[in-house]
Amino acid sequence: MSEETKMTPEAEPETTAQPAAEQPADQQPDAPETEQAAPEDSPKTEDSKKKDGWFSKKSRELEAAKAQLEAAEKAAQQAKDQLLRVAAEYDNYRKRSAREADQKFNDGVSFAVNQIIPILDTLDMAANAPCTDENYKKGVTMTLDKAAKAFQTLHIEEIEALGKPFDPHFMNAVQQVPAEEGQESGTVVTVFQKGYKLGDKIIRHATVVVAE
């Protein structure tokens, strides 16, 4: 055997070190606890962010809806107030127009009646004058009755004066005479001309004689 192939007793076969990756799992060092907790915390953080974003979005939507509702309520209240004002103005206009129409009608009636009253005064004197022609007197009386009915239709009233206390709002005194027995001072004893009124409107004052 040659010297090259002869093994010396001192030489020992070299042992190769076992790679760390091939070491048994139970012999590998444990990973730090912080590194193991990190993967578990990461999904929770992501879910929390999603939830926070969802709540924030819903909160903004709720605020926007609340603002729209307040604006709608304000607009509705303004529209209601405006309608109430228009209704009140229309009611006032309607009442004012009715009063003006009534006033114009009464003025027209008063003007027409003032033109007719002198004719009735003449007919009234003819009816009270002595007359032997009964047919003539009856015709005058019938005319006065028809005039009275027409006045009633127009709401024309005769002012009651004879035997009443003198009232300057409805009567004109043209003479004073001594009071007879049983008569009170200031009482109307004679009516020269009849007075007429339409509601509160005086068409013609009664012309009267008053006891002193």
N, C-alpha and C. Protein backbone atom coordinates (compact mmCIF):
# COMPACT_ATOMS: atom_id res chain seq x y z
N MET A 1 0.87 -1.18 0.00
CA MET A 1 0.00 0.00 0.00
C MET A 1 0.89 1.20 0.00
N SER A 2 0.54 2.16 -0.79
CA SER A 2 1.40 3.34 -0.92
C SER A 2 1.19 4.26 0.22
N GLU A 3 2.03 5.25 0.37
CA GLU A 3 1.97 6.23 1.44
C GLU A 3 0.80 7.16 1.27
N GLU A 4 0.36 7.42 0.00
CA GLU A 4 -0.74 8.37 -0.23
C GLU A 4 -2.04 7.81 0.26
N THR A 5 -2.19 6.50 0.10
CA THR A 5 -3.46 5.93 0.48
C THR A 5 -3.47 5.43 1.87
N LYS A 6 -2.37 5.49 2.52
CA LYS A 6 -2.30 5.01 3.90
C LYS A 6 -2.84 6.07 4.80
N MET A 7 -3.75 5.67 5.66
CA MET A 7 -4.35 6.59 6.59
C MET A 7 -3.59 6.57 7.86
N THR A 8 -3.36 7.78 8.34
CA THR A 8 -2.69 7.90 9.61
C THR A 8 -3.70 7.71 10.69
N PRO A 9 -3.27 7.15 11.79
CA PRO A 9 -4.24 6.95 12.88
C PRO A 9 -4.73 8.23 13.48
N GLU A 10 -3.99 9.32 13.29
CA GLU A 10 -4.45 10.58 13.89
C GLU A 10 -5.59 11.20 13.10
N ALA A 11 -5.67 10.87 11.80
CA ALA A 11 -6.69 11.56 10.98
C ALA A 11 -8.05 10.95 11.23
N GLU A 12 -9.05 11.79 11.41
CA GLU A 12 -10.45 11.37 11.64
C GLU A 12 -11.33 11.97 10.54
N PRO A 13 -12.31 11.24 10.21
CA PRO A 13 -13.19 11.79 9.15
C PRO A 13 -13.91 13.05 9.62
N GLU A 14 -14.02 14.02 8.69
CA GLU A 14 -14.67 15.30 9.01
C GLU A 14 -16.18 15.11 9.09
N THR A 15 -16.75 15.73 10.07
CA THR A 15 -18.23 15.67 10.25
C THR A 15 -18.83 16.98 9.75
N THR A 16 -19.81 16.86 8.93
CA THR A 16 -20.48 18.09 8.37
C THR A 16 -21.56 18.54 9.31
N ALA A 17 -21.60 19.82 9.52
CA ALA A 17 -22.62 20.41 10.44
C ALA A 17 -24.00 20.33 9.81
N GLN A 18 -25.02 19.96 10.59
CA GLN A 18 -26.41 19.84 10.10
C GLN A 18 -27.01 21.23 9.94
N PRO A 19 -27.56 21.49 8.78
CA PRO A 19 -28.15 22.86 8.57
C PRO A 19 -29.24 23.12 9.58
N ALA A 20 -29.34 24.42 9.91
CA ALA A 20 -30.34 24.82 10.92
C ALA A 20 -31.74 24.54 10.43
N ALA A 21 -31.93 24.63 9.11
CA ALA A 21 -33.29 24.44 8.58
C ALA A 21 -33.74 23.02 8.75
N GLU A 22 -32.72 22.07 8.82
CA GLU A 22 -33.08 20.68 8.93
C GLU A 22 -33.20 20.24 10.37
N GLN A 23 -33.04 21.16 11.30
CA GLN A 23 -33.18 20.79 12.69
C GLN A 23 -34.62 20.49 13.00
N PRO A 24 -34.90 19.62 13.91
CA PRO A 24 -36.28 19.29 14.28
C PRO A 24 -37.01 20.52 14.77
N ALA A 25 -38.33 20.49 14.54
CA ALA A 25 -39.16 21.67 14.89
C ALA A 25 -39.13 21.95 16.36
N ASP A 26 -39.03 20.86 17.17
CA ASP A 26 -39.05 21.09 18.61
C ASP A 26 -37.78 21.69 19.12
N GLN A 27 -36.72 21.70 18.25
CA GLN A 27 -35.47 22.30 18.68
C GLN A 27 -35.29 23.72 18.16
N GLN A 28 -36.23 24.21 17.26
CA GLN A 28 -36.09 25.57 16.74
C GLN A 28 -36.50 26.56 17.80
N PRO A 29 -35.85 27.73 17.84
CA PRO A 29 -36.18 28.75 18.87
C PRO A 29 -37.57 29.35 18.60
N ASP A 30 -38.25 29.61 19.66
CA ASP A 30 -39.59 30.22 19.53
C ASP A 30 -39.48 31.65 19.03
N ALA A 31 -40.48 32.03 18.21
CA ALA A 31 -40.53 33.42 17.70
C ALA A 31 -41.01 34.33 18.81
N PRO A 32 -40.61 35.58 18.81
CA PRO A 32 -41.04 36.53 19.85
C PRO A 32 -42.56 36.65 19.86
N GLU A 33 -43.09 36.85 21.07
CA GLU A 33 -44.56 36.93 21.22
C GLU A 33 -45.14 38.12 20.45
N THR A 34 -44.36 39.18 20.38
CA THR A 34 -44.87 40.36 19.66
C THR A 34 -45.07 40.07 18.21
N GLU A 35 -44.14 39.22 17.64
CA GLU A 35 -44.27 38.91 16.22
C GLU A 35 -45.46 38.01 15.98
N GLN A 36 -45.83 37.15 16.93
CA GLN A 36 -47.01 36.30 16.75
C GLN A 36 -48.30 37.09 16.93
N ALA A 37 -48.32 38.11 17.81
CA ALA A 37 -49.55 38.89 18.07
C ALA A 37 -49.88 39.84 16.93
N ALA A 38 -48.86 40.26 16.21
CA ALA A 38 -49.08 41.25 15.16
C ALA A 38 -50.06 40.79 14.10
N PRO A 39 -49.86 39.53 13.58
CA PRO A 39 -50.82 39.13 12.55
C PRO A 39 -52.24 39.04 13.08
N GLU A 40 -52.42 38.72 14.39
CA GLU A 40 -53.76 38.63 14.93
C GLU A 40 -54.40 40.00 15.09
N ASP A 41 -53.64 41.04 15.44
CA ASP A 41 -54.18 42.39 15.65
C ASP A 41 -54.52 43.08 14.34
N SER A 42 -53.86 42.75 13.28
CA SER A 42 -54.03 43.47 12.01
C SER A 42 -55.46 43.40 11.49
N PRO A 43 -56.14 42.24 11.44
CA PRO A 43 -57.53 42.23 10.95
C PRO A 43 -58.46 43.04 11.82
N LYS A 44 -58.28 43.03 13.13
CA LYS A 44 -59.13 43.82 14.03
C LYS A 44 -59.02 45.31 13.73
N THR A 45 -57.82 45.76 13.51
CA THR A 45 -57.60 47.18 13.20
C THR A 45 -58.31 47.56 11.91
N GLU A 46 -58.23 46.69 10.91
CA GLU A 46 -58.88 46.95 9.63
C GLU A 46 -60.40 47.01 9.78
N ASP A 47 -60.95 46.07 10.56
CA ASP A 47 -62.41 46.07 10.79
C ASP A 47 -62.84 47.32 11.55
N SER A 48 -62.02 47.72 12.50
CA SER A 48 -62.36 48.92 13.27
C SER A 48 -62.38 50.15 12.39
N LYS A 49 -61.44 50.23 11.48
CA LYS A 49 -61.40 51.36 10.56
C LYS A 49 -62.64 51.38 9.66
N LYS A 50 -63.03 50.19 9.19
CA LYS A 50 -64.22 50.10 8.34
C LYS A 50 -65.46 50.53 9.10
N LYS A 51 -65.56 50.07 10.36
CA LYS A 51 -66.72 50.44 11.16
C LYS A 51 -66.75 51.95 11.43
N ASP A 52 -65.59 52.51 11.78
CA ASP A 52 -65.52 53.96 12.01
C ASP A 52 -65.92 54.74 10.76
N GLY A 53 -65.46 54.29 9.60
CA GLY A 53 -65.83 54.96 8.35
C GLY A 53 -67.31 54.86 8.05
N TRP A 54 -67.91 53.71 8.34
CA TRP A 54 -69.34 53.51 8.09
C TRP A 54 -70.18 54.41 9.00
N PHE A 55 -69.80 54.45 10.30
CA PHE A 55 -70.53 55.31 11.23
C PHE A 55 -70.38 56.79 10.88
N SER A 56 -69.19 57.15 10.45
CA SER A 56 -68.95 58.55 10.06
C SER A 56 -69.80 58.91 8.84
N LYS A 57 -69.89 58.00 7.87
CA LYS A 57 -70.70 58.25 6.68
C LYS A 57 -72.18 58.37 7.05
N LYS A 58 -72.64 57.44 7.90
CA LYS A 58 -74.05 57.49 8.31
C LYS A 58 -74.35 58.75 9.11
N SER A 59 -73.38 59.19 9.92
CA SER A 59 -73.58 60.41 10.69
C SER A 59 -73.71 61.62 9.78
N ARG A 60 -72.88 61.68 8.74
CA ARG A 60 -72.97 62.78 7.79
C ARG A 60 -74.29 62.75 7.03
N GLU A 61 -74.73 61.54 6.65
CA GLU A 61 -76.01 61.41 5.96
C GLU A 61 -77.16 61.84 6.86
N LEU A 62 -77.08 61.48 8.15
CA LEU A 62 -78.12 61.86 9.09
C LEU A 62 -78.17 63.37 9.29
N GLU A 63 -77.02 64.00 9.40
CA GLU A 63 -76.97 65.45 9.54
C GLU A 63 -77.53 66.14 8.31
N ALA A 64 -77.20 65.60 7.12
CA ALA A 64 -77.71 66.19 5.89
C ALA A 64 -79.23 66.04 5.81
N ALA A 65 -79.74 64.86 6.19
CA ALA A 65 -81.20 64.66 6.18
C ALA A 65 -81.88 65.57 7.19
N LYS A 66 -81.25 65.73 8.35
CA LYS A 66 -81.82 66.62 9.38
C LYS A 66 -81.86 68.06 8.87
N ALA A 67 -80.80 68.50 8.20
CA ALA A 67 -80.77 69.86 7.66
C ALA A 67 -81.85 70.04 6.59
N GLN A 68 -82.03 69.03 5.73
CA GLN A 68 -83.07 69.11 4.71
C GLN A 68 -84.46 69.16 5.34
N LEU A 69 -84.66 68.38 6.39
CA LEU A 69 -85.96 68.37 7.08
C LEU A 69 -86.24 69.73 7.71
N GLU A 70 -85.24 70.31 8.36
CA GLU A 70 -85.42 71.63 8.97
C GLU A 70 -85.74 72.68 7.91
N ALA A 71 -85.03 72.60 6.77
CA ALA A 71 -85.29 73.55 5.68
C ALA A 71 -86.71 73.38 5.13
N ALA A 72 -87.13 72.10 4.99
CA ALA A 72 -88.49 71.84 4.49
C ALA A 72 -89.54 72.35 5.47
N GLU A 73 -89.32 72.13 6.78
CA GLU A 73 -90.26 72.61 7.79
C GLU A 73 -90.33 74.14 7.78
N LYS A 74 -89.17 74.78 7.64
CA LYS A 74 -89.15 76.24 7.59
C LYS A 74 -89.89 76.76 6.37
N ALA A 75 -89.67 76.13 5.22
CA ALA A 75 -90.37 76.54 4.00
C ALA A 75 -91.87 76.32 4.13
N ALA A 76 -92.26 75.19 4.75
CA ALA A 76 -93.68 74.91 4.94
C ALA A 76 -94.33 75.94 5.86
N GLN A 77 -93.62 76.33 6.93
CA GLN A 77 -94.15 77.32 7.85
C GLN A 77 -94.30 78.68 7.16
N GLN A 78 -93.31 79.04 6.35
CA GLN A 78 -93.40 80.30 5.61
C GLN A 78 -94.56 80.28 4.64
N ALA A 79 -94.75 79.14 3.95
CA ALA A 79 -95.88 79.03 3.02
C ALA A 79 -97.20 79.12 3.77
N LYS A 80 -97.27 78.48 4.94
CA LYS A 80 -98.50 78.54 5.75
C LYS A 80 -98.79 79.97 6.19
N ASP A 81 -97.76 80.67 6.68
CA ASP A 81 -97.95 82.07 7.10
C ASP A 81 -98.41 82.94 5.94
N GLN A 82 -97.81 82.71 4.78
CA GLN A 82 -98.19 83.49 3.61
C GLN A 82 -99.64 83.22 3.21
N LEU A 83 -100.04 81.95 3.26
CA LEU A 83 -101.43 81.61 2.94
C LEU A 83 -102.40 82.23 3.93
N LEU A 84 -102.02 82.22 5.22
CA LEU A 84 -102.89 82.83 6.22
C LEU A 84 -103.03 84.33 5.99
N ARG A 85 -101.91 84.98 5.64
CA ARG A 85 -101.97 86.42 5.35
C ARG A 85 -102.85 86.70 4.14
N VAL A 86 -102.69 85.87 3.09
CA VAL A 86 -103.50 86.07 1.88
C VAL A 86 -104.98 85.84 2.20
N ALA A 87 -105.27 84.80 3.01
CA ALA A 87 -106.66 84.53 3.37
C ALA A 87 -107.25 85.68 4.19
N ALA A 88 -106.46 86.22 5.13
CA ALA A 88 -106.94 87.34 5.94
C ALA A 88 -107.15 88.58 5.08
N GLU A 89 -106.21 88.84 4.17
CA GLU A 89 -106.36 89.99 3.29
C GLU A 89 -107.58 89.83 2.38
N TYR A 90 -107.81 88.62 1.88
CA TYR A 90 -108.97 88.39 1.02
C TYR A 90 -110.26 88.55 1.81
N ASP A 91 -110.27 88.05 3.06
CA ASP A 91 -111.48 88.19 3.89
C ASP A 91 -111.77 89.67 4.17
N ASN A 92 -110.72 90.42 4.48
CA ASN A 92 -110.91 91.86 4.70
C ASN A 92 -111.39 92.56 3.43
N TYR A 93 -110.80 92.16 2.30
CA TYR A 93 -111.22 92.75 1.02
C TYR A 93 -112.68 92.40 0.72
N ARG A 94 -113.07 91.15 0.99
CA ARG A 94 -114.45 90.74 0.73
C ARG A 94 -115.43 91.53 1.62
N LYS A 95 -115.09 91.66 2.90
CA LYS A 95 -115.96 92.41 3.80
C LYS A 95 -116.03 93.88 3.40
N ARG A 96 -114.86 94.44 3.06
CA ARG A 96 -114.83 95.85 2.65
C ARG A 96 -115.63 96.06 1.37
N SER A 97 -115.49 95.12 0.42
CA SER A 97 -116.24 95.23 -0.83
C SER A 97 -117.74 95.12 -0.58
N ALA A 98 -118.12 94.21 0.34
CA ALA A 98 -119.55 94.06 0.66
C ALA A 98 -120.10 95.34 1.30
N ARG A 99 -119.29 95.94 2.21
CA ARG A 99 -119.74 97.19 2.83
C ARG A 99 -119.86 98.30 1.80
N GLU A 100 -118.88 98.38 0.91
CA GLU A 100 -118.94 99.42 -0.12
C GLU A 100 -120.12 99.21 -1.06
N ALA A 101 -120.38 97.92 -1.40
CA ALA A 101 -121.52 97.64 -2.27
C ALA A 101 -122.83 98.01 -1.59
N ASP A 102 -122.93 97.65 -0.30
CA ASP A 102 -124.14 98.01 0.45
C ASP A 102 -124.30 99.52 0.55
N GLN A 103 -123.18 100.20 0.77
CA GLN A 103 -123.22 101.65 0.88
C GLN A 103 -123.68 102.28 -0.43
N LYS A 104 -123.15 101.78 -1.54
CA LYS A 104 -123.55 102.31 -2.84
C LYS A 104 -125.03 102.02 -3.12
N PHE A 105 -125.47 100.81 -2.75
CA PHE A 105 -126.87 100.47 -2.96
C PHE A 105 -127.77 101.38 -2.12
N ASN A 106 -127.38 101.55 -0.85
CA ASN A 106 -128.18 102.41 0.03
C ASN A 106 -128.20 103.85 -0.46
N ASP A 107 -127.05 104.30 -0.97
CA ASP A 107 -127.01 105.67 -1.50
C ASP A 107 -127.96 105.81 -2.69
N GLY A 108 -127.97 104.78 -3.56
CA GLY A 108 -128.86 104.82 -4.72
C GLY A 108 -130.32 104.79 -4.31
N VAL A 109 -130.63 103.92 -3.33
CA VAL A 109 -132.01 103.84 -2.85
C VAL A 109 -132.42 105.16 -2.20
N SER A 110 -131.51 105.71 -1.40
CA SER A 110 -131.82 106.98 -0.73
C SER A 110 -132.09 108.08 -1.74
N PHE A 111 -131.29 108.14 -2.79
CA PHE A 111 -131.49 109.16 -3.82
C PHE A 111 -132.86 108.99 -4.49
N ALA A 112 -133.20 107.73 -4.83
CA ALA A 112 -134.48 107.48 -5.50
C ALA A 112 -135.66 107.82 -4.59
N VAL A 113 -135.55 107.42 -3.32
CA VAL A 113 -136.64 107.67 -2.37
C VAL A 113 -136.82 109.16 -2.15
N ASN A 114 -135.71 109.89 -2.11
CA ASN A 114 -135.81 111.35 -1.94
C ASN A 114 -136.57 112.01 -3.08
N GLN A 115 -136.51 111.40 -4.26
CA GLN A 115 -137.26 111.94 -5.40
C GLN A 115 -138.74 111.60 -5.31
N ILE A 116 -139.04 110.50 -4.63
CA ILE A 116 -140.44 110.04 -4.56
C ILE A 116 -141.19 110.63 -3.37
N ILE A 117 -140.46 110.93 -2.28
CA ILE A 117 -141.10 111.39 -1.04
C ILE A 117 -142.00 112.61 -1.27
N PRO A 118 -141.60 113.62 -2.01
CA PRO A 118 -142.51 114.77 -2.21
C PRO A 118 -143.84 114.38 -2.86
N ILE A 119 -143.79 113.39 -3.76
CA ILE A 119 -145.03 112.92 -4.39
C ILE A 119 -145.93 112.27 -3.33
N LEU A 120 -145.29 111.46 -2.47
CA LEU A 120 -146.06 110.81 -1.41
C LEU A 120 -146.63 111.84 -0.42
N ASP A 121 -145.87 112.90 -0.17
CA ASP A 121 -146.38 113.97 0.71
C ASP A 121 -147.67 114.55 0.12
N THR A 122 -147.67 114.79 -1.19
CA THR A 122 -148.87 115.35 -1.84
C THR A 122 -150.03 114.37 -1.77
N LEU A 123 -149.75 113.10 -2.03
CA LEU A 123 -150.81 112.09 -1.97
C LEU A 123 -151.34 111.94 -0.55
N ASP A 124 -150.46 112.08 0.42
CA ASP A 124 -150.90 111.97 1.81
C ASP A 124 -151.82 113.12 2.19
N MET A 125 -151.49 114.32 1.73
CA MET A 125 -152.38 115.48 1.99
C MET A 125 -153.72 115.30 1.29
N ALA A 126 -153.69 114.74 0.08
CA ALA A 126 -154.93 114.51 -0.66
C ALA A 126 -155.79 113.48 0.05
N ALA A 127 -155.15 112.46 0.63
CA ALA A 127 -155.90 111.42 1.33
C ALA A 127 -156.54 111.96 2.59
N ASN A 128 -155.91 112.94 3.24
CA ASN A 128 -156.44 113.50 4.50
C ASN A 128 -157.36 114.70 4.27
N ALA A 129 -157.45 115.19 3.06
CA ALA A 129 -158.31 116.36 2.77
C ALA A 129 -159.76 115.90 2.64
N PRO A 130 -160.69 116.77 3.04
CA PRO A 130 -162.12 116.44 2.88
C PRO A 130 -162.46 116.24 1.42
N CYS A 131 -163.18 115.18 1.12
CA CYS A 131 -163.53 114.88 -0.27
C CYS A 131 -164.82 114.07 -0.28
N THR A 132 -165.71 114.46 -1.17
CA THR A 132 -166.99 113.75 -1.29
C THR A 132 -166.91 112.60 -2.29
N ASP A 133 -165.83 112.59 -3.10
CA ASP A 133 -165.67 111.53 -4.11
C ASP A 133 -164.92 110.36 -3.45
N GLU A 134 -165.68 109.36 -3.05
CA GLU A 134 -165.08 108.22 -2.36
C GLU A 134 -164.15 107.42 -3.27
N ASN A 135 -164.47 107.31 -4.52
CA ASN A 135 -163.62 106.57 -5.44
C ASN A 135 -162.25 107.24 -5.59
N TYR A 136 -162.28 108.58 -5.66
CA TYR A 136 -161.03 109.33 -5.76
C TYR A 136 -160.17 109.10 -4.51
N LYS A 137 -160.82 109.21 -3.35
CA LYS A 137 -160.10 109.04 -2.09
C LYS A 137 -159.56 107.61 -1.95
N LYS A 138 -160.36 106.66 -2.42
CA LYS A 138 -159.93 105.26 -2.34
C LYS A 138 -158.72 105.02 -3.24
N GLY A 139 -158.70 105.64 -4.41
CA GLY A 139 -157.56 105.48 -5.32
C GLY A 139 -156.29 106.06 -4.73
N VAL A 140 -156.42 107.22 -4.06
CA VAL A 140 -155.23 107.81 -3.42
C VAL A 140 -154.72 106.92 -2.30
N THR A 141 -155.65 106.38 -1.53
CA THR A 141 -155.25 105.51 -0.41
C THR A 141 -154.56 104.25 -0.92
N MET A 142 -155.07 103.65 -1.98
CA MET A 142 -154.45 102.45 -2.57
C MET A 142 -153.04 102.75 -3.07
N THR A 143 -152.84 103.93 -3.65
CA THR A 143 -151.50 104.32 -4.12
C THR A 143 -150.53 104.44 -2.96
N LEU A 144 -150.98 105.04 -1.87
CA LEU A 144 -150.12 105.17 -0.68
C LEU A 144 -149.79 103.79 -0.09
N ASP A 145 -150.75 102.89 -0.13
CA ASP A 145 -150.50 101.53 0.39
C ASP A 145 -149.44 100.80 -0.45
N LYS A 146 -149.53 100.96 -1.76
CA LYS A 146 -148.52 100.33 -2.63
C LYS A 146 -147.14 100.94 -2.41
N ALA A 147 -147.11 102.24 -2.19
CA ALA A 147 -145.83 102.90 -1.91
C ALA A 147 -145.24 102.39 -0.60
N ALA A 148 -146.11 102.18 0.40
CA ALA A 148 -145.65 101.67 1.69
C ALA A 148 -145.07 100.26 1.53
N LYS A 149 -145.71 99.42 0.72
CA LYS A 149 -145.20 98.06 0.48
C LYS A 149 -143.85 98.10 -0.26
N ALA A 150 -143.75 99.03 -1.22
CA ALA A 150 -142.47 99.17 -1.93
C ALA A 150 -141.36 99.61 -0.98
N PHE A 151 -141.69 100.54 -0.08
CA PHE A 151 -140.71 100.98 0.90
C PHE A 151 -140.31 99.83 1.83
N GLN A 152 -141.27 98.99 2.18
CA GLN A 152 -140.97 97.85 3.03
C GLN A 152 -140.01 96.88 2.34
N THR A 153 -140.21 96.67 1.05
CA THR A 153 -139.31 95.80 0.28
C THR A 153 -137.89 96.37 0.24
N LEU A 154 -137.79 97.69 0.16
CA LEU A 154 -136.48 98.35 0.13
C LEU A 154 -135.92 98.62 1.52
N HIS A 155 -136.63 98.15 2.56
CA HIS A 155 -136.22 98.33 3.97
C HIS A 155 -136.21 99.81 4.38
N ILE A 156 -137.12 100.58 3.76
CA ILE A 156 -137.30 101.99 4.14
C ILE A 156 -138.31 102.03 5.29
N GLU A 157 -137.94 102.66 6.38
CA GLU A 157 -138.82 102.75 7.53
C GLU A 157 -139.22 104.21 7.79
N GLU A 158 -140.47 104.37 8.19
CA GLU A 158 -140.93 105.70 8.58
C GLU A 158 -140.47 105.97 10.01
N ILE A 159 -139.95 107.16 10.25
CA ILE A 159 -139.49 107.53 11.59
C ILE A 159 -140.70 107.84 12.46
N GLU A 160 -140.84 107.11 13.54
CA GLU A 160 -141.95 107.35 14.46
C GLU A 160 -141.66 108.61 15.26
N ALA A 161 -142.55 109.58 15.16
CA ALA A 161 -142.31 110.87 15.80
C ALA A 161 -143.47 111.34 16.68
N LEU A 162 -144.70 111.18 16.20
CA LEU A 162 -145.86 111.71 16.93
C LEU A 162 -145.99 111.05 18.30
N GLY A 163 -146.02 111.91 19.34
CA GLY A 163 -146.15 111.43 20.71
C GLY A 163 -144.85 110.94 21.32
N LYS A 164 -143.76 111.02 20.58
CA LYS A 164 -142.45 110.56 21.07
C LYS A 164 -141.65 111.76 21.57
N PRO A 165 -140.70 111.51 22.48
CA PRO A 165 -139.79 112.60 22.88
C PRO A 165 -138.99 113.10 21.69
N PHE A 166 -138.74 114.38 21.66
CA PHE A 166 -138.00 114.97 20.54
C PHE A 166 -136.57 114.42 20.52
N ASP A 167 -136.13 113.96 19.34
CA ASP A 167 -134.78 113.41 19.15
C ASP A 167 -134.15 114.13 17.97
N PRO A 168 -133.14 114.97 18.25
CA PRO A 168 -132.53 115.75 17.15
C PRO A 168 -131.84 114.89 16.11
N HIS A 169 -131.54 113.64 16.43
CA HIS A 169 -130.90 112.76 15.45
C HIS A 169 -131.86 112.35 14.34
N PHE A 170 -133.17 112.37 14.64
CA PHE A 170 -134.16 111.92 13.67
C PHE A 170 -135.19 112.99 13.31
N MET A 171 -135.21 114.10 14.04
CA MET A 171 -136.28 115.09 13.86
C MET A 171 -135.72 116.50 13.75
N ASN A 172 -136.48 117.32 13.04
CA ASN A 172 -136.22 118.76 12.98
C ASN A 172 -137.44 119.49 13.57
N ALA A 173 -137.21 120.28 14.62
CA ALA A 173 -138.31 121.03 15.25
C ALA A 173 -138.41 122.40 14.60
N VAL A 174 -139.58 122.72 14.09
CA VAL A 174 -139.79 124.02 13.44
C VAL A 174 -140.63 124.96 14.32
N GLN A 175 -141.18 124.41 15.37
CA GLN A 175 -142.04 125.24 16.22
C GLN A 175 -142.20 124.59 17.59
N GLN A 176 -142.40 125.45 18.59
CA GLN A 176 -142.73 124.98 19.93
C GLN A 176 -144.06 125.61 20.35
N VAL A 177 -144.89 124.81 20.97
CA VAL A 177 -146.22 125.28 21.43
C VAL A 177 -146.36 124.92 22.89
N PRO A 178 -147.18 125.68 23.60
CA PRO A 178 -147.40 125.34 25.01
C PRO A 178 -147.95 123.93 25.15
N ALA A 179 -147.46 123.25 26.14
CA ALA A 179 -147.89 121.87 26.36
C ALA A 179 -149.32 121.86 26.89
N GLU A 180 -150.16 121.03 26.31
CA GLU A 180 -151.53 120.88 26.78
C GLU A 180 -151.55 120.00 28.03
N GLU A 181 -152.71 119.90 28.64
CA GLU A 181 -152.82 119.12 29.85
C GLU A 181 -152.52 117.64 29.55
N GLY A 182 -151.65 117.09 30.32
CA GLY A 182 -151.27 115.68 30.13
C GLY A 182 -150.08 115.50 29.21
N GLN A 183 -149.64 116.55 28.53
CA GLN A 183 -148.47 116.44 27.65
C GLN A 183 -147.19 116.81 28.40
N GLU A 184 -146.14 116.08 28.12
CA GLU A 184 -144.85 116.38 28.75
C GLU A 184 -144.07 117.33 27.85
N SER A 185 -143.27 118.15 28.48
CA SER A 185 -142.43 119.07 27.72
C SER A 185 -141.44 118.29 26.86
N GLY A 186 -141.27 118.74 25.63
CA GLY A 186 -140.35 118.07 24.71
C GLY A 186 -140.98 116.96 23.91
N THR A 187 -142.29 116.78 24.05
CA THR A 187 -142.99 115.75 23.29
C THR A 187 -143.42 116.30 21.93
N VAL A 188 -143.32 115.47 20.90
CA VAL A 188 -143.76 115.86 19.56
C VAL A 188 -145.29 115.82 19.52
N VAL A 189 -145.89 116.96 19.18
CA VAL A 189 -147.35 117.04 19.17
C VAL A 189 -147.91 117.09 17.75
N THR A 190 -147.08 117.47 16.78
CA THR A 190 -147.55 117.54 15.39
C THR A 190 -146.39 117.15 14.46
N VAL A 191 -146.75 116.44 13.38
CA VAL A 191 -145.74 116.07 12.36
C VAL A 191 -146.12 116.77 11.07
N PHE A 192 -145.27 117.73 10.65
CA PHE A 192 -145.51 118.42 9.40
C PHE A 192 -145.12 117.56 8.19
N GLN A 193 -143.97 116.92 8.29
CA GLN A 193 -143.50 116.04 7.22
C GLN A 193 -142.98 114.75 7.85
N LYS A 194 -143.32 113.65 7.23
CA LYS A 194 -142.84 112.36 7.72
C LYS A 194 -141.34 112.22 7.45
N GLY A 195 -140.71 111.53 8.34
CA GLY A 195 -139.29 111.24 8.15
C GLY A 195 -139.09 109.78 7.78
N TYR A 196 -137.98 109.48 7.07
CA TYR A 196 -137.71 108.11 6.63
C TYR A 196 -136.22 107.80 6.87
N LYS A 197 -135.96 106.51 7.06
CA LYS A 197 -134.58 106.06 7.26
C LYS A 197 -134.39 104.70 6.61
N LEU A 198 -133.14 104.43 6.27
CA LEU A 198 -132.75 103.14 5.69
C LEU A 198 -131.66 102.56 6.59
N GLY A 199 -132.06 101.66 7.47
CA GLY A 199 -131.10 101.18 8.47
C GLY A 199 -130.75 102.30 9.40
N ASP A 200 -129.44 102.60 9.51
CA ASP A 200 -128.99 103.72 10.34
C ASP A 200 -128.87 105.02 9.54
N LYS A 201 -129.12 104.93 8.25
CA LYS A 201 -128.98 106.11 7.38
C LYS A 201 -130.29 106.90 7.34
N ILE A 202 -130.22 108.16 7.66
CA ILE A 202 -131.40 109.02 7.63
C ILE A 202 -131.61 109.52 6.19
N ILE A 203 -132.76 109.21 5.62
CA ILE A 203 -133.08 109.71 4.28
C ILE A 203 -133.66 111.11 4.37
N ARG A 204 -134.60 111.28 5.32
CA ARG A 204 -135.14 112.63 5.57
C ARG A 204 -135.58 112.70 7.03
N HIS A 205 -135.18 113.77 7.70
CA HIS A 205 -135.61 113.97 9.08
C HIS A 205 -137.09 114.32 9.11
N ALA A 206 -137.73 113.90 10.19
CA ALA A 206 -139.14 114.28 10.37
C ALA A 206 -139.22 115.73 10.82
N THR A 207 -140.13 116.47 10.20
CA THR A 207 -140.35 117.89 10.57
C THR A 207 -141.52 117.94 11.55
N VAL A 208 -141.25 118.45 12.78
CA VAL A 208 -142.23 118.31 13.85
C VAL A 208 -142.42 119.61 14.63
N VAL A 209 -143.50 119.60 15.43
CA VAL A 209 -143.78 120.65 16.39
C VAL A 209 -143.68 120.03 17.78
N VAL A 210 -142.98 120.73 18.70
CA VAL A 210 -142.67 120.17 20.01
C VAL A 210 -143.36 120.98 21.09
N ALA A 211 -143.85 120.30 22.11
CA ALA A 211 -144.46 120.98 23.28
C ALA A 211 -143.39 121.58 24.14
N GLU A 212 -143.67 122.78 24.63
CA GLU A 212 -142.69 123.46 25.49
C GLU A 212 -142.61 122.78 26.86
